[in-house]
N, C-alpha and C. Protein backbone atom coordinates (compact mmCIF):
# COMPACT_ATOMS: atom_id res chain seq x y z
N MET A 1 62.17 -5.10 -14.31
CA MET A 1 60.81 -5.18 -13.71
C MET A 1 60.35 -3.94 -13.13
N PRO A 2 61.17 -3.10 -12.55
CA PRO A 2 60.73 -1.86 -12.20
C PRO A 2 60.11 -0.94 -13.10
N GLY A 3 60.66 -0.97 -14.50
CA GLY A 3 60.16 -0.13 -15.42
C GLY A 3 58.90 -0.52 -15.90
N LEU A 4 58.58 -2.03 -15.79
CA LEU A 4 57.19 -2.40 -16.19
C LEU A 4 56.19 -1.86 -15.16
N ILE A 5 56.44 -1.94 -13.92
CA ILE A 5 55.56 -1.51 -13.00
C ILE A 5 55.24 -0.05 -13.13
N ARG A 6 56.55 0.71 -13.45
CA ARG A 6 56.45 2.07 -13.62
C ARG A 6 55.41 2.54 -15.02
N GLY A 7 55.54 1.72 -15.96
CA GLY A 7 54.90 1.95 -17.05
C GLY A 7 53.27 1.63 -16.88
N VAL A 8 53.03 0.54 -16.19
CA VAL A 8 51.68 0.15 -15.75
C VAL A 8 50.92 1.28 -14.98
N ALA A 9 51.88 1.92 -14.03
CA ALA A 9 51.42 2.85 -13.03
C ALA A 9 50.96 4.11 -13.83
N ARG A 10 51.82 4.61 -14.76
CA ARG A 10 51.60 5.72 -15.61
C ARG A 10 50.33 5.54 -16.52
N THR A 11 50.24 4.36 -17.26
CA THR A 11 49.06 4.02 -17.93
C THR A 11 47.75 4.20 -16.99
N ALA A 12 47.85 3.80 -15.91
CA ALA A 12 46.52 3.85 -14.94
C ALA A 12 46.39 5.38 -14.58
N VAL A 13 47.50 6.11 -14.46
CA VAL A 13 47.18 7.41 -13.99
C VAL A 13 46.59 8.20 -15.14
N VAL A 14 47.14 8.06 -16.40
CA VAL A 14 46.57 8.72 -17.64
C VAL A 14 45.40 8.15 -17.86
N ALA A 15 44.87 6.94 -17.90
CA ALA A 15 43.49 6.46 -18.06
C ALA A 15 42.48 7.11 -17.08
N GLY A 16 43.05 7.20 -15.94
CA GLY A 16 42.09 7.80 -14.77
C GLY A 16 41.98 9.06 -15.02
N THR A 17 42.96 10.02 -15.34
CA THR A 17 42.88 11.54 -15.76
C THR A 17 41.94 11.58 -17.02
N ALA A 18 41.86 10.87 -17.91
CA ALA A 18 41.35 10.96 -19.21
C ALA A 18 39.72 10.60 -18.89
N THR A 19 39.66 9.67 -18.05
CA THR A 19 38.18 9.39 -17.55
C THR A 19 37.33 10.39 -16.83
N ALA A 20 38.34 11.17 -15.95
CA ALA A 20 37.81 12.10 -15.10
C ALA A 20 37.37 13.43 -16.01
N VAL A 21 38.39 13.84 -17.01
CA VAL A 21 38.22 14.82 -17.62
C VAL A 21 36.99 14.51 -18.66
N SER A 22 36.87 13.45 -19.00
CA SER A 22 35.68 13.11 -20.03
C SER A 22 34.33 13.29 -19.28
N ASN A 23 34.38 12.78 -18.06
CA ASN A 23 33.09 12.94 -17.36
C ASN A 23 32.82 14.31 -17.16
N ARG A 24 33.96 15.19 -16.74
CA ARG A 24 33.45 16.39 -16.43
C ARG A 24 33.04 17.14 -17.80
N VAL A 25 33.67 16.87 -18.99
CA VAL A 25 33.15 17.67 -20.13
C VAL A 25 31.70 17.13 -20.50
N SER A 26 31.38 15.79 -20.14
CA SER A 26 30.07 15.45 -20.45
C SER A 26 29.01 16.11 -19.53
N ARG A 27 29.41 16.42 -18.32
CA ARG A 27 28.35 16.85 -17.34
C ARG A 27 28.13 18.41 -17.76
N ARG A 28 29.16 18.99 -18.18
CA ARG A 28 29.06 20.54 -18.53
C ARG A 28 28.28 20.60 -19.63
N GLN A 29 28.47 19.78 -20.76
CA GLN A 29 27.67 19.86 -22.06
C GLN A 29 26.17 19.53 -21.68
N ALA A 30 25.93 18.53 -20.81
CA ALA A 30 24.67 18.21 -20.54
C ALA A 30 23.90 19.37 -19.71
N GLY A 31 24.47 19.96 -18.83
CA GLY A 31 24.20 21.35 -18.32
C GLY A 31 23.85 22.36 -19.34
N ARG A 32 24.68 22.51 -20.44
CA ARG A 32 24.35 23.49 -21.42
C ARG A 32 23.26 23.16 -22.07
N TRP A 33 23.19 21.94 -22.41
CA TRP A 33 22.00 21.68 -23.31
C TRP A 33 20.66 21.85 -22.49
N ALA A 34 20.76 21.45 -21.13
CA ALA A 34 19.54 21.51 -20.42
C ALA A 34 18.98 23.25 -20.16
N ALA A 35 20.19 24.03 -20.17
CA ALA A 35 19.92 25.39 -20.09
C ALA A 35 19.22 25.94 -21.36
N GLN A 36 19.73 25.43 -22.35
CA GLN A 36 19.20 25.92 -23.84
C GLN A 36 17.89 25.35 -24.09
N GLU A 37 17.61 24.17 -23.51
CA GLU A 37 16.25 23.72 -23.66
C GLU A 37 15.15 24.52 -22.69
N SER A 38 15.52 24.75 -21.60
CA SER A 38 14.51 25.51 -20.86
C SER A 38 14.37 26.88 -21.27
N ALA A 39 15.49 27.57 -21.90
CA ALA A 39 15.33 28.90 -22.51
C ALA A 39 14.33 28.76 -23.68
N GLN A 40 14.35 27.76 -24.43
CA GLN A 40 13.72 27.72 -25.67
C GLN A 40 12.23 27.10 -25.58
N GLU A 41 11.90 26.80 -24.41
CA GLU A 41 10.69 26.23 -24.21
C GLU A 41 9.47 27.51 -24.37
N PRO A 42 8.44 27.12 -25.30
CA PRO A 42 7.34 28.29 -25.52
C PRO A 42 6.66 28.69 -24.39
N GLN A 43 6.33 29.96 -24.32
CA GLN A 43 5.51 30.47 -23.24
C GLN A 43 4.22 29.99 -22.92
N TYR A 44 3.66 29.51 -24.12
CA TYR A 44 2.30 28.92 -24.17
C TYR A 44 2.19 27.27 -23.87
N ALA A 45 3.02 27.16 -23.30
CA ALA A 45 3.04 25.44 -23.00
C ALA A 45 1.94 25.11 -21.88
N ALA A 46 1.45 23.92 -22.24
CA ALA A 46 0.18 23.49 -21.42
C ALA A 46 0.58 23.50 -19.89
N PRO A 47 -0.18 23.87 -18.93
CA PRO A 47 0.06 23.67 -17.60
C PRO A 47 0.15 22.19 -17.25
N PRO A 48 0.78 21.86 -16.27
CA PRO A 48 0.76 20.46 -15.81
C PRO A 48 -0.61 20.12 -15.52
N GLN A 49 -0.81 18.77 -15.83
CA GLN A 49 -2.15 18.04 -15.77
C GLN A 49 -2.41 18.00 -14.12
N GLN A 50 -3.64 18.32 -13.79
CA GLN A 50 -4.01 18.25 -12.42
C GLN A 50 -4.87 16.81 -12.28
N TYR A 51 -4.79 16.33 -11.30
CA TYR A 51 -5.59 15.09 -11.07
C TYR A 51 -6.61 15.31 -9.96
N ALA A 52 -7.72 14.97 -10.04
CA ALA A 52 -8.76 15.08 -8.93
C ALA A 52 -8.66 14.32 -7.67
N ALA A 53 -8.64 14.90 -6.68
CA ALA A 53 -8.63 14.11 -5.39
C ALA A 53 -9.46 12.75 -5.40
N PRO A 54 -8.96 11.74 -4.83
CA PRO A 54 -9.95 10.68 -4.58
C PRO A 54 -10.95 10.83 -3.92
N GLN A 55 -12.08 10.20 -4.23
CA GLN A 55 -13.36 10.56 -3.39
C GLN A 55 -13.17 9.58 -2.08
N PRO A 56 -13.37 10.08 -0.91
CA PRO A 56 -13.29 9.57 0.33
C PRO A 56 -14.18 8.35 0.46
N THR A 57 -13.63 7.33 0.85
CA THR A 57 -14.69 6.06 1.07
C THR A 57 -14.97 5.88 2.44
N TYR A 58 -16.12 5.74 2.89
CA TYR A 58 -16.88 5.66 3.97
C TYR A 58 -17.21 4.14 4.37
N ALA A 59 -17.15 3.95 5.56
CA ALA A 59 -17.35 2.68 6.11
C ALA A 59 -18.96 2.44 5.87
N PRO A 60 -19.29 1.35 5.58
CA PRO A 60 -20.95 1.22 5.66
C PRO A 60 -21.44 1.31 7.16
N PRO A 61 -22.53 1.82 7.41
CA PRO A 61 -22.98 1.85 8.79
C PRO A 61 -23.35 0.47 9.28
N ALA A 62 -23.16 0.28 10.77
CA ALA A 62 -23.34 -0.95 11.29
C ALA A 62 -24.75 -1.39 11.16
N PRO A 63 -24.86 -2.57 10.82
CA PRO A 63 -26.25 -3.14 10.65
C PRO A 63 -27.02 -3.11 11.91
N ALA A 64 -28.21 -2.46 11.78
CA ALA A 64 -29.07 -2.48 13.01
C ALA A 64 -29.36 -3.81 13.37
N ALA A 65 -29.78 -3.67 14.65
CA ALA A 65 -30.22 -5.00 15.18
C ALA A 65 -31.44 -5.86 14.44
N ALA A 66 -31.09 -6.91 13.97
CA ALA A 66 -32.16 -7.64 12.98
C ALA A 66 -33.44 -7.88 13.67
N PRO A 67 -34.68 -7.66 12.87
CA PRO A 67 -35.74 -7.75 13.59
C PRO A 67 -36.09 -9.06 14.21
N ASP A 68 -35.35 -10.21 13.57
CA ASP A 68 -35.53 -11.40 14.24
C ASP A 68 -34.67 -11.66 15.39
N MET A 69 -34.01 -10.70 15.90
CA MET A 69 -33.05 -10.74 17.20
C MET A 69 -33.96 -10.84 18.22
N ASP A 70 -34.95 -10.18 18.17
CA ASP A 70 -36.03 -9.94 19.35
C ASP A 70 -36.45 -11.67 19.37
N ALA A 71 -37.00 -12.18 18.11
CA ALA A 71 -37.42 -13.50 18.03
C ALA A 71 -36.62 -14.47 18.70
N ARG A 72 -35.22 -14.26 18.33
CA ARG A 72 -34.37 -15.27 18.94
C ARG A 72 -34.14 -14.99 20.28
N ILE A 73 -34.19 -13.99 20.85
CA ILE A 73 -34.21 -13.78 22.33
C ILE A 73 -35.17 -14.56 23.03
N ALA A 74 -36.51 -14.21 22.31
CA ALA A 74 -37.56 -14.99 22.89
C ALA A 74 -37.44 -16.48 23.03
N GLN A 75 -36.91 -16.91 21.76
CA GLN A 75 -36.86 -18.36 21.73
C GLN A 75 -36.05 -19.01 22.78
N LEU A 76 -34.73 -18.13 22.93
CA LEU A 76 -33.75 -18.83 23.96
C LEU A 76 -34.44 -18.59 25.36
N THR A 77 -35.15 -17.48 25.48
CA THR A 77 -35.69 -17.50 26.84
C THR A 77 -36.61 -18.60 27.16
N GLN A 78 -37.47 -18.91 26.12
CA GLN A 78 -38.50 -20.04 26.37
C GLN A 78 -37.67 -21.46 26.62
N LEU A 79 -36.65 -21.69 25.68
CA LEU A 79 -35.64 -22.68 25.95
C LEU A 79 -35.09 -22.86 27.25
N ALA A 80 -34.56 -21.57 27.84
CA ALA A 80 -34.07 -21.64 29.15
C ALA A 80 -35.14 -21.94 30.27
N ALA A 81 -36.39 -21.51 30.00
CA ALA A 81 -37.44 -21.91 31.11
C ALA A 81 -37.77 -23.31 30.88
N LEU A 82 -37.72 -24.08 29.56
CA LEU A 82 -38.13 -25.43 29.73
C LEU A 82 -36.66 -26.24 30.20
N ARG A 83 -35.62 -25.79 30.10
CA ARG A 83 -34.55 -26.27 30.72
C ARG A 83 -34.61 -26.37 32.24
N ASP A 84 -35.01 -24.93 32.81
CA ASP A 84 -35.15 -24.95 34.26
C ASP A 84 -36.25 -25.76 34.78
N GLN A 85 -37.37 -26.03 33.95
CA GLN A 85 -38.39 -26.89 34.46
C GLN A 85 -38.02 -28.34 34.51
N GLY A 86 -36.92 -28.65 33.61
CA GLY A 86 -36.70 -30.04 33.72
C GLY A 86 -37.02 -30.75 32.35
N VAL A 87 -37.94 -30.07 31.38
CA VAL A 87 -38.32 -30.60 30.09
C VAL A 87 -37.14 -31.05 29.15
N LEU A 88 -36.19 -29.97 29.13
CA LEU A 88 -34.98 -30.24 28.28
C LEU A 88 -33.75 -30.56 29.23
N SER A 89 -32.99 -31.46 28.69
CA SER A 89 -31.75 -31.61 29.25
C SER A 89 -30.67 -30.64 28.97
N PRO A 90 -29.85 -30.42 29.72
CA PRO A 90 -28.67 -29.31 29.25
C PRO A 90 -28.08 -29.57 27.90
N ALA A 91 -27.93 -30.73 27.43
CA ALA A 91 -27.26 -30.99 26.15
C ALA A 91 -28.38 -30.69 25.19
N GLU A 92 -29.59 -31.11 25.43
CA GLU A 92 -30.68 -30.65 24.41
C GLU A 92 -30.67 -28.98 24.22
N PHE A 93 -30.67 -28.34 25.39
CA PHE A 93 -30.77 -26.97 25.43
C PHE A 93 -29.57 -26.51 24.80
N GLU A 94 -28.38 -26.99 24.76
CA GLU A 94 -27.16 -26.42 24.11
C GLU A 94 -27.32 -26.58 22.58
N ALA A 95 -27.96 -27.77 22.11
CA ALA A 95 -28.10 -28.15 20.75
C ALA A 95 -29.14 -27.04 20.25
N GLN A 96 -30.22 -26.90 20.86
CA GLN A 96 -31.30 -25.80 20.43
C GLN A 96 -30.81 -24.44 20.27
N LYS A 97 -30.00 -24.14 21.30
CA LYS A 97 -29.27 -22.64 21.38
C LYS A 97 -28.54 -22.70 20.09
N ALA A 98 -27.66 -23.58 19.89
CA ALA A 98 -26.74 -23.55 18.84
C ALA A 98 -27.45 -23.24 17.47
N ARG A 99 -28.63 -24.12 17.29
CA ARG A 99 -29.41 -24.11 16.20
C ARG A 99 -30.14 -22.71 15.93
N ILE A 100 -30.56 -22.09 17.11
CA ILE A 100 -30.93 -20.77 16.91
C ILE A 100 -30.06 -19.74 16.72
N LEU A 101 -29.00 -19.74 17.30
CA LEU A 101 -27.92 -18.60 16.99
C LEU A 101 -27.36 -18.65 15.68
N ALA A 102 -27.17 -19.94 15.26
CA ALA A 102 -26.60 -20.09 13.81
C ALA A 102 -27.66 -19.73 12.61
N ASP A 103 -28.75 -19.61 12.77
CA ASP A 103 -29.63 -19.14 11.77
C ASP A 103 -29.37 -17.50 11.47
């Protein structure tokens, strides 16, 4: 049994060493190829493409007070006056106010 374990361990060491050497050779070869390619690049290569900066986006201006806002305020003032005089009940006033503000 000890001979079997020794044989398996030796095989693992040999396989690990072979893998490490193979990886190192591959990296070295890739480095050489990269150096050759950079040395062989033509001097007249096109410059890298440049992209235009995106146009800034602006928030739309805040809407000006609608011209009918003055009319709404006038209507609400009239409704409040009618409520104060007792012509409209508070429930009727609230219903009319909601209608005016919803428009």
